[in-house]
Amino acid sequence: MKKVDYIVVGLGIAGISFCEELEHHQKSFVAFDSSKDASTKVAAGVINPVVLKRFTPVWNAKKHLSSSILFYQQLSKKINHKLFKETSMFRLFKSVAEQNNWMVASDKKELENFLDPKIINQNIPHVKGPFGFGKVNSTGSVDTVALVENYKIYLERINSFQNNEFDHSLLAIQNQQISYNHIIAKHIVFCEGATVVKNPYFPKKEKRSEAPILIPNKGEYLIVKSIDLKLDIMIKSSLFIIPLGNDYYKVGATYDRDDVSVQVTPQAREELVSKLKEIITCDFEVVDQVAGLRPTTRDRRPFLGSLNESKQMVFFNGLGTRGITAAPSLAKILFNYIENNTEIPTEINIRRIYKW
């Protein structure tokens, strides 16, 4: 029988961030994950403090930003693979009105550090930009595939990972301890992303409206190759264009709340190809297409904490489209809640669902 402080279920960005917090505090743990289609692996991997559709700040942007960049830089050294690349992001303007809205937004206190007020009119080869661009500061990209794959290898090396699907029917809670197969733990943290809807301990529907508590949101991306594009910046328009190196780019994403599969679709491919052709003028080749499910919530805030007074069973979920940026600082909040009895802010406390 193996005894640990924690069992962690799921190794997307939530699970990885929490495991890192446990290691930092010298807590023992075993992480379970068998998913090949975790949303983290197919996420854009963009660190960006601004909602560029509406020119508004991302929730808690300053706090999450400082934590996340340092997190990925330190983790890169641990797993001996560069994860974070500081990359400029240009927002492509489609009209004079968007230019004006950008300049108004850049003058707001909460955005002045993130939005460069100057309209950039430089010619970017093969990118249509008749109204110019706006530069977002403090941006970068994370190699999400390398993050997940290399972190699992690291946990295997320290004997803290099991590449198995977690079987909830084998979980037992008794005598103030968690037991699962041959493992005894003090706490279990579910970081299952959109698959948490299959977890029998997670509530499925709101009591008042019968609406789902967690809403899977499918996203599909393309990997394209273009020899002529030669971008070294990220472009945001109706989609993201993210340079991966060696003439490869990640392009996306779609948003679909009706299809909860992780299968790629010809409709998404057609949509993304069409939008990309509206932005660039050079040839490109689609070399891959990937899909994943984002775990989103009704109020666009994550779920942290336990559903009752006991802290043996805890959830870390609902990170949506901002998980790459927010997860490291949220992991600290969750750890302090469990170990130091600090309160989780109401807006991200999972118990707020009881009011829905």
Protein backbone atom coordinates (compact mmCIF):
# COMPACT_ATOMS: atom_id res chain seq x y z
CA MET A 1 0.00 0.00 0.00
CA LYS A 2 1.42 3.35 -1.09
CA LYS A 3 0.73 6.42 1.06
CA VAL A 4 0.81 9.93 -0.39
CA ASP A 5 -0.51 13.34 0.53
CA TYR A 6 -2.46 13.81 -2.72
CA ILE A 7 -3.99 12.02 -5.67
CA VAL A 8 -4.26 14.33 -8.71
CA VAL A 9 -6.61 13.29 -11.51
CA GLY A 10 -5.83 14.88 -14.86
CA LEU A 11 -2.66 16.40 -16.27
CA GLY A 12 -3.80 19.33 -18.33
CA ILE A 13 -2.58 22.76 -17.29
CA ALA A 14 -4.67 22.67 -14.08
CA GLY A 15 -3.20 19.34 -12.97
CA ILE A 16 0.35 20.29 -13.95
CA SER A 17 0.13 23.62 -12.11
CA PHE A 18 -1.19 21.95 -8.98
CA CYS A 19 1.46 19.21 -9.09
CA GLU A 20 4.11 21.91 -9.29
CA GLU A 21 2.61 23.62 -6.25
CA LEU A 22 2.72 20.31 -4.37
CA GLU A 23 6.36 19.75 -5.31
CA HIS A 24 7.21 23.27 -4.22
CA HIS A 25 5.80 22.51 -0.78
CA GLN A 26 7.34 19.02 -0.65
CA LYS A 27 4.00 17.20 -0.68
CA SER A 28 3.91 13.65 -2.03
CA PHE A 29 1.44 12.78 -4.79
CA VAL A 30 0.44 10.45 -7.59
CA ALA A 31 -1.07 11.88 -10.78
CA PHE A 32 -3.38 9.90 -13.08
CA ASP A 33 -3.93 10.69 -16.74
CA SER A 34 -4.50 8.64 -19.87
CA SER A 35 -6.13 11.29 -22.06
CA LYS A 36 -4.57 11.89 -25.46
CA ASP A 37 -7.06 14.65 -26.27
CA ALA A 38 -6.70 16.99 -23.29
CA SER A 39 -7.66 20.55 -24.13
CA THR A 40 -4.25 21.80 -22.96
CA LYS A 41 -2.45 19.89 -25.75
CA VAL A 42 -4.62 21.47 -28.44
CA ALA A 43 -4.89 24.91 -26.84
CA ALA A 44 -3.46 27.96 -28.59
CA GLY A 45 -0.97 28.32 -25.77
CA VAL A 46 -1.17 32.10 -25.96
CA ILE A 47 -0.38 34.29 -22.98
CA ASN A 48 -2.32 37.47 -23.61
CA PRO A 49 -3.70 39.92 -21.00
CA VAL A 50 -6.40 41.46 -23.23
CA VAL A 51 -9.69 40.28 -24.71
CA LEU A 52 -8.94 41.48 -28.22
CA LYS A 53 -12.46 41.23 -29.57
CA ARG A 54 -13.73 43.92 -27.21
CA PHE A 55 -10.45 45.56 -26.06
CA THR A 56 -11.07 44.74 -22.41
CA PRO A 57 -8.65 43.36 -19.79
CA VAL A 58 -8.61 39.66 -19.03
CA TRP A 59 -9.88 38.91 -15.53
CA ASN A 60 -7.05 39.40 -12.98
CA ALA A 61 -4.63 39.89 -15.87
CA LYS A 62 -1.75 41.49 -13.97
CA LYS A 63 -1.73 38.88 -11.22
CA HIS A 64 -1.99 35.90 -13.55
CA LEU A 65 0.52 37.28 -16.03
CA SER A 66 3.42 37.70 -13.63
CA SER A 67 2.86 34.24 -12.13
CA SER A 68 2.45 32.41 -15.42
CA ILE A 69 5.53 33.69 -17.25
CA LEU A 70 7.80 32.89 -14.29
CA PHE A 71 6.08 29.49 -13.94
CA TYR A 72 6.84 28.43 -17.52
CA GLN A 73 10.38 29.76 -17.38
CA GLN A 74 11.13 27.75 -14.24
CA LEU A 75 9.34 24.66 -15.52
CA SER A 76 11.37 24.81 -18.74
CA LYS A 77 14.55 24.36 -16.70
CA LYS A 78 13.07 21.47 -14.73
CA ILE A 79 12.02 19.43 -17.75
CA ASN A 80 14.93 20.63 -19.93
CA HIS A 81 12.69 21.92 -22.71
CA LYS A 82 11.96 25.54 -23.58
CA LEU A 83 8.22 26.03 -23.12
CA PHE A 84 7.71 29.79 -23.22
CA LYS A 85 8.61 32.12 -26.07
CA GLU A 86 8.14 35.85 -25.70
CA THR A 87 6.37 36.80 -28.92
CA SER A 88 4.75 40.08 -29.90
CA MET A 89 1.06 40.07 -30.77
CA PHE A 90 -0.44 42.40 -33.37
CA ARG A 91 -4.18 42.98 -33.49
CA LEU A 92 -5.25 43.50 -37.11
CA PHE A 93 -7.71 46.38 -37.54
CA LYS A 94 -10.58 46.09 -40.00
CA SER A 95 -11.77 49.71 -39.89
CA VAL A 96 -11.05 53.23 -38.70
CA ALA A 97 -13.63 52.62 -35.96
CA GLU A 98 -11.50 49.79 -34.58
CA GLN A 99 -8.48 52.05 -34.62
CA ASN A 100 -10.39 54.62 -32.58
CA ASN A 101 -11.68 52.01 -30.14
CA TRP A 102 -8.13 50.77 -29.65
CA MET A 103 -6.82 54.24 -28.84
CA VAL A 104 -9.64 54.86 -26.37
CA ALA A 105 -8.97 51.50 -24.69
CA SER A 106 -5.21 52.10 -24.50
CA ASP A 107 -5.88 55.25 -22.48
CA LYS A 108 -7.73 53.33 -19.75
CA LYS A 109 -5.76 52.73 -16.56
CA GLU A 110 -6.37 48.98 -16.51
CA LEU A 111 -5.10 48.63 -20.09
CA GLU A 112 -2.40 51.28 -20.47
CA ASN A 113 0.39 48.80 -19.67
CA PHE A 114 -0.89 46.25 -22.15
CA LEU A 115 -1.95 48.22 -25.24
CA ASP A 116 0.50 50.31 -27.23
CA PRO A 117 -1.48 53.43 -28.21
CA LYS A 118 0.40 53.90 -31.47
CA ILE A 119 -1.23 52.56 -34.64
CA ILE A 120 1.32 50.44 -36.48
CA ASN A 121 1.12 50.99 -40.23
CA GLN A 122 4.18 48.99 -41.25
CA ASN A 123 3.85 46.57 -44.13
CA ILE A 124 3.91 42.93 -42.99
CA PRO A 125 4.61 40.80 -46.07
CA HIS A 126 1.65 38.69 -47.19
CA VAL A 127 -0.63 40.01 -44.42
CA LYS A 128 -3.57 42.21 -45.39
CA GLY A 129 -3.53 45.22 -43.09
CA PRO A 130 -5.00 48.29 -44.79
CA PHE A 131 -6.01 49.81 -41.44
CA GLY A 132 -2.84 48.83 -39.60
CA PHE A 133 -2.25 46.97 -36.38
CA GLY A 134 -2.21 47.47 -32.63
CA LYS A 135 0.55 45.93 -30.55
CA VAL A 136 -0.24 44.09 -27.31
CA ASN A 137 2.51 44.09 -24.68
CA SER A 138 3.48 41.24 -22.34
CA THR A 139 2.48 38.44 -24.70
CA GLY A 140 3.99 35.11 -25.59
CA SER A 141 3.27 31.53 -26.46
CA VAL A 142 3.64 28.20 -24.65
CA ASP A 143 4.45 24.93 -26.39
CA THR A 144 1.47 23.07 -24.94
CA VAL A 145 2.21 19.70 -26.57
CA ALA A 146 5.76 19.68 -25.19
CA LEU A 147 4.44 20.86 -21.82
CA VAL A 148 2.10 17.89 -21.35
CA GLU A 149 4.30 15.22 -22.88
CA ASN A 150 7.52 16.23 -21.13
CA TYR A 151 5.85 16.76 -17.78
CA LYS A 152 4.46 13.23 -17.84
CA ILE A 153 7.96 11.94 -18.56
CA TYR A 154 9.26 13.93 -15.61
CA LEU A 155 6.61 12.53 -13.25
CA GLU A 156 7.31 9.00 -14.46
CA ARG A 157 10.97 9.53 -13.61
CA ILE A 158 10.14 10.47 -10.01
CA ASN A 159 7.54 7.68 -9.73
CA SER A 160 4.59 10.07 -9.38
CA PHE A 161 2.60 9.28 -12.52
CA GLN A 162 0.26 6.51 -13.61
CA ASN A 163 -0.73 6.42 -17.26
CA ASN A 164 -4.14 4.93 -16.50
CA GLU A 165 -7.70 6.10 -16.84
CA PHE A 166 -9.01 6.91 -13.38
CA ASP A 167 -11.85 4.58 -12.34
CA HIS A 168 -14.13 6.54 -10.02
CA SER A 169 -15.90 3.35 -8.89
CA LEU A 170 -12.71 2.24 -7.12
CA LEU A 171 -12.49 5.42 -5.05
CA ALA A 172 -13.41 5.18 -1.36
CA ILE A 173 -13.47 7.82 1.36
CA GLN A 174 -13.44 6.58 4.94
CA ASN A 175 -11.72 7.24 8.26
CA GLN A 176 -10.56 10.66 7.07
CA GLN A 177 -8.59 9.21 4.18
CA ILE A 178 -8.88 8.55 0.45
CA SER A 179 -8.22 5.07 -0.88
CA TYR A 180 -7.85 4.07 -4.51
CA ASN A 181 -6.57 0.64 -5.41
CA HIS A 182 -3.26 0.35 -3.56
CA ILE A 183 -2.97 4.09 -2.82
CA ILE A 184 -3.92 5.90 0.39
CA ALA A 185 -4.07 9.71 0.31
CA LYS A 186 -5.19 12.63 2.43
CA HIS A 187 -6.73 14.53 -0.48
CA ILE A 188 -7.83 14.00 -4.06
CA VAL A 189 -7.90 16.87 -6.55
CA PHE A 190 -9.92 16.45 -9.74
CA CYS A 191 -8.38 18.40 -12.62
CA GLU A 192 -10.28 16.59 -15.35
CA GLY A 193 -11.24 19.46 -17.62
CA ALA A 194 -14.34 18.87 -19.74
CA THR A 195 -14.36 15.14 -18.89
CA VAL A 196 -15.36 16.01 -15.32
CA VAL A 197 -18.96 15.65 -16.53
CA LYS A 198 -18.33 11.88 -16.30
CA ASN A 199 -17.21 12.19 -12.68
CA PRO A 200 -20.01 10.86 -10.40
CA TYR A 201 -18.94 13.23 -7.62
CA PHE A 202 -19.38 16.34 -9.78
CA PRO A 203 -22.88 17.91 -9.99
CA LYS A 204 -24.26 17.86 -13.52
CA LYS A 205 -27.16 20.35 -13.55
CA GLU A 206 -28.07 23.64 -11.93
CA LYS A 207 -30.86 23.16 -9.39
CA ARG A 208 -32.95 26.09 -10.60
CA SER A 209 -32.61 25.96 -14.35
CA GLU A 210 -31.47 22.39 -15.04
CA ALA A 211 -28.71 23.91 -17.18
CA PRO A 212 -25.35 22.10 -17.17
CA ILE A 213 -22.87 23.21 -14.51
CA LEU A 214 -19.90 22.89 -16.84
CA ILE A 215 -20.18 23.55 -20.57
CA PRO A 216 -17.76 21.78 -22.91
CA ASN A 217 -16.72 24.12 -25.71
CA LYS A 218 -15.08 22.42 -28.66
CA GLY A 219 -12.18 24.11 -30.38
CA GLU A 220 -10.39 23.06 -33.55
CA TYR A 221 -7.04 24.29 -34.86
CA LEU A 222 -5.07 23.83 -38.03
CA ILE A 223 -1.34 23.44 -38.37
CA VAL A 224 -0.30 24.98 -41.67
CA LYS A 225 2.98 25.36 -43.52
CA SER A 226 3.79 28.45 -45.53
CA ILE A 227 7.26 28.99 -46.92
CA ASP A 228 6.55 32.59 -47.91
CA LEU A 229 4.78 33.93 -44.80
CA LYS A 230 7.86 34.30 -42.56
CA LEU A 231 5.99 35.66 -39.52
CA ASP A 232 7.84 36.05 -36.23
CA ILE A 233 4.89 37.68 -34.48
CA MET A 234 1.41 36.48 -33.55
CA ILE A 235 -1.49 37.95 -35.52
CA LYS A 236 -5.00 38.24 -34.07
CA SER A 237 -7.95 38.94 -36.33
CA SER A 238 -10.94 36.63 -36.76
CA LEU A 239 -8.47 33.94 -35.67
CA PHE A 240 -4.97 33.61 -34.25
CA ILE A 241 -1.91 32.95 -36.41
CA ILE A 242 0.85 31.67 -34.14
CA PRO A 243 4.36 30.97 -35.49
CA LEU A 244 5.72 27.56 -34.46
CA GLY A 245 9.05 27.79 -36.29
CA ASN A 246 10.38 26.20 -39.49
CA ASP A 247 7.55 27.79 -41.54
CA TYR A 248 4.80 26.14 -39.47
CA TYR A 249 1.90 28.03 -37.90
CA LYS A 250 -0.99 27.21 -35.60
CA VAL A 251 -4.24 28.73 -36.88
CA GLY A 252 -7.51 28.88 -34.96
CA ALA A 253 -9.74 28.41 -33.30
CA THR A 254 -13.36 27.44 -33.71
CA TYR A 255 -15.97 27.51 -30.93
CA ASP A 256 -18.71 24.89 -30.80
CA ARG A 257 -20.91 24.07 -27.80
CA ASP A 258 -23.08 21.56 -29.64
CA ASP A 259 -20.46 19.03 -30.72
CA VAL A 260 -18.81 17.50 -27.64
CA SER A 261 -16.62 15.02 -29.51
CA VAL A 262 -12.89 15.42 -29.96
CA GLN A 263 -13.04 14.43 -33.61
CA VAL A 264 -11.89 16.93 -36.23
CA THR A 265 -14.51 18.06 -38.74
CA PRO A 266 -14.38 19.17 -42.38
CA GLN A 267 -16.66 22.10 -41.48
CA ALA A 268 -14.10 23.51 -39.04
CA ARG A 269 -11.29 23.02 -41.53
CA GLU A 270 -13.26 24.88 -44.20
CA GLU A 271 -14.07 27.72 -41.78
CA LEU A 272 -10.47 28.17 -40.68
CA VAL A 273 -9.05 27.96 -44.20
CA SER A 274 -11.57 30.56 -45.40
CA LYS A 275 -10.73 32.97 -42.57
CA LEU A 276 -7.00 32.52 -43.08
CA LYS A 277 -7.34 33.37 -46.78
CA GLU A 278 -9.02 36.62 -45.75
CA ILE A 279 -5.90 37.58 -43.78
CA ILE A 280 -2.90 36.37 -45.79
CA THR A 281 -2.10 36.52 -49.49
CA CYS A 282 0.47 33.74 -49.86
CA ASP A 283 0.03 30.02 -50.38
CA PHE A 284 -0.14 27.60 -47.45
CA GLU A 285 -0.60 23.89 -46.90
CA VAL A 286 -2.72 22.33 -44.13
CA VAL A 287 -0.57 19.63 -42.54
CA ASP A 288 -2.64 18.77 -39.45
CA GLN A 289 -5.92 19.46 -37.70
CA VAL A 290 -6.56 19.01 -33.97
CA ALA A 291 -9.59 19.29 -31.70
CA GLY A 292 -10.22 19.50 -27.97
CA LEU A 293 -12.87 20.46 -25.44
CA ARG A 294 -12.48 23.58 -23.32
CA PRO A 295 -14.08 23.40 -19.84
CA THR A 296 -16.16 26.59 -19.64
CA THR A 297 -18.61 27.91 -17.06
CA ARG A 298 -21.69 30.08 -17.21
CA ASP A 299 -20.01 33.09 -15.59
CA ARG A 300 -16.60 32.49 -17.23
CA ARG A 301 -14.90 31.93 -13.88
CA PRO A 302 -13.08 28.77 -12.78
CA PHE A 303 -14.28 26.23 -10.21
CA LEU A 304 -11.97 25.88 -7.22
CA GLY A 305 -12.52 24.10 -3.93
CA SER A 306 -14.73 21.45 -2.39
CA LEU A 307 -18.49 21.03 -2.47
CA ASN A 308 -18.77 20.61 1.31
CA GLU A 309 -16.80 21.45 4.44
CA SER A 310 -14.43 18.53 3.96
CA LYS A 311 -11.29 19.26 1.95
CA GLN A 312 -10.58 15.65 1.08
CA MET A 313 -12.20 15.90 -2.36
CA VAL A 314 -11.39 19.07 -4.27
CA PHE A 315 -12.04 20.37 -7.80
CA PHE A 316 -9.83 22.52 -10.04
CA ASN A 317 -11.75 23.12 -13.24
CA GLY A 318 -13.56 25.54 -15.53
CA LEU A 319 -10.47 27.38 -16.76
CA GLY A 320 -11.96 27.88 -20.22
CA THR A 321 -9.85 29.69 -22.81
CA ARG A 322 -7.52 31.39 -20.30
CA GLY A 323 -6.14 28.37 -18.47
CA ILE A 324 -2.57 28.71 -19.75
CA THR A 325 -2.34 32.17 -18.18
CA ALA A 326 -4.43 31.69 -15.04
CA ALA A 327 -3.65 28.16 -13.83
CA PRO A 328 -0.32 28.79 -12.02
CA SER A 329 -1.71 31.50 -9.72
CA LEU A 330 -5.00 29.64 -9.22
CA ALA A 331 -3.05 26.56 -8.11
CA LYS A 332 -1.53 28.61 -5.30
CA ILE A 333 -4.98 29.73 -4.16
CA LEU A 334 -6.23 26.16 -4.14
CA PHE A 335 -3.20 24.82 -2.26
CA ASN A 336 -3.54 27.49 0.45
CA TYR A 337 -7.24 26.68 0.75
CA ILE A 338 -6.49 23.02 1.44
CA GLU A 339 -3.36 23.31 3.53
CA ASN A 340 -3.68 26.70 5.23
CA ASN A 341 -7.46 27.06 5.46
CA THR A 342 -7.52 30.33 3.50
CA GLU A 343 -10.77 31.34 1.85
CA ILE A 344 -11.29 30.97 -1.88
CA PRO A 345 -12.75 34.18 -3.37
CA THR A 346 -16.49 33.80 -3.94
CA GLU A 347 -16.27 34.49 -7.68
CA ILE A 348 -14.12 31.38 -8.23
CA ASN A 349 -15.38 29.19 -5.39
CA ILE A 350 -17.13 26.09 -6.75
CA ARG A 351 -19.83 26.38 -4.09
CA ARG A 352 -21.32 29.34 -5.92
CA ILE A 353 -23.09 26.78 -8.11
CA TYR A 354 -25.52 26.18 -5.25
CA LYS A 355 -26.96 29.64 -5.95
CA TRP A 356 -27.52 28.94 -9.63
